[in-house]
């Protein structure tokens, strides 16, 4: 996971100015956008994985990889247990 964190984007994307958010774009094709909720005291995140997976089987495998990468990203970046975000 350390290597993953080190290769995330280096620029600031100012395309969205209506709210506070952080967008990470990784060399692996993973994009994660984290923002605050406008109506509740919580964080929301959106993920995307750009990849080549022409068959159903390859798509399912990439979906599993995405789930693992997102879980690792959340654990490393947000540290939900340490920050009292989950019980």
Protein backbone atom coordinates (compact mmCIF):
# COMPACT_ATOMS: atom_id res chain seq x y z
CA UNK A 1 0.00 0.00 0.00
CA UNK A 2 2.86 2.42 0.65
CA UNK A 3 3.92 2.33 -2.99
CA UNK A 4 0.28 2.93 -3.98
CA UNK A 5 0.08 6.06 -1.84
CA UNK A 6 3.37 7.40 -3.23
CA UNK A 7 2.23 7.27 -6.86
CA UNK A 8 -1.04 9.14 -6.48
CA UNK A 9 -1.48 12.35 -8.43
CA UNK A 10 0.58 15.42 -7.80
CA UNK A 11 -1.73 18.16 -9.10
CA UNK A 12 -4.77 19.95 -7.74
CA UNK A 13 -7.91 19.48 -9.81
CA UNK A 14 -9.96 22.67 -9.62
CA UNK A 15 -12.67 21.56 -12.05
CA UNK A 16 -15.22 21.27 -9.21
CA UNK A 17 -15.51 24.41 -7.12
CA UNK A 18 -18.90 23.92 -5.43
CA UNK A 19 -17.66 21.85 -2.49
CA UNK A 20 -14.60 20.62 -0.69
CA UNK A 21 -13.19 17.47 -2.22
CA UNK A 22 -9.91 15.73 -2.88
CA UNK A 23 -9.39 13.71 -6.06
CA UNK A 24 -6.62 11.12 -6.36
CA UNK A 25 -5.64 9.66 -9.70
CA UNK A 26 -3.22 6.74 -9.57
CA UNK A 27 -0.91 5.18 -12.13
CA UNK A 28 -2.86 1.94 -11.69
CA UNK A 29 -5.94 3.54 -13.30
CA UNK A 30 -7.69 3.99 -9.94
CA UNK A 31 -9.41 7.31 -9.25
CA UNK A 32 -10.80 8.12 -5.81
CA UNK A 33 -12.67 11.30 -4.96
CA UNK A 34 -13.36 12.04 -1.28
CA UNK A 35 -15.73 14.80 -0.23
CA UNK A 36 -17.78 15.92 2.72
CA UNK A 37 -21.52 15.39 2.70
CA UNK A 38 -23.54 18.55 2.26
CA UNK A 39 -26.31 17.40 4.59
CA UNK A 40 -24.74 14.94 7.04
CA UNK A 41 -21.57 14.79 9.17
CA UNK A 42 -19.84 12.16 7.07
CA UNK A 43 -17.38 11.62 4.24
CA UNK A 44 -18.40 10.25 0.87
CA UNK A 45 -16.11 8.68 -1.69
CA UNK A 46 -16.42 7.75 -5.34
CA UNK A 47 -14.17 5.31 -7.15
CA UNK A 48 -13.36 4.41 -10.72
CA UNK A 49 -10.90 2.01 -12.31
CA UNK A 50 -9.90 2.56 -15.93
CA UNK A 51 -8.67 -0.69 -17.44
CA UNK A 52 -8.89 -3.06 -20.36
CA UNK A 53 -11.10 -6.05 -19.58
CA UNK A 54 -12.88 -7.28 -22.71
CA UNK A 55 -14.42 -10.45 -21.27
CA UNK A 56 -16.97 -10.89 -18.48
CA UNK A 57 -14.44 -12.92 -16.49
CA UNK A 58 -11.77 -10.20 -16.78
CA UNK A 59 -14.32 -7.56 -15.79
CA UNK A 60 -15.23 -9.52 -12.66
CA UNK A 61 -11.54 -9.91 -11.77
CA UNK A 62 -10.96 -6.18 -12.19
CA UNK A 63 -14.01 -5.47 -10.03
CA UNK A 64 -12.48 -7.62 -7.27
CA UNK A 65 -9.16 -5.80 -7.65
CA UNK A 66 -10.97 -2.46 -7.43
CA UNK A 67 -12.65 -3.52 -4.19
CA UNK A 68 -9.27 -4.49 -2.68
CA UNK A 69 -7.60 -1.26 -3.81
CA UNK A 70 -10.44 0.86 -2.42
CA UNK A 71 -10.35 -0.97 0.93
CA UNK A 72 -6.58 -0.44 1.17
CA UNK A 73 -6.93 3.19 0.13
CA UNK A 74 -9.53 3.87 2.83
CA UNK A 75 -7.53 2.08 5.52
CA UNK A 76 -4.31 3.91 4.64
CA UNK A 77 -5.65 7.39 3.94
CA UNK A 78 -8.65 7.78 6.24
CA UNK A 79 -7.63 5.34 9.00
CA UNK A 80 -11.28 4.98 10.04
CA UNK A 81 -10.71 3.10 13.33
CA UNK A 82 -7.96 5.43 14.52
CA UNK A 83 -10.01 8.52 13.65
CA UNK A 84 -13.29 7.36 15.19
CA UNK A 85 -15.06 7.08 11.83
CA UNK A 86 -16.25 3.53 12.57
CA UNK A 87 -16.87 1.59 15.76
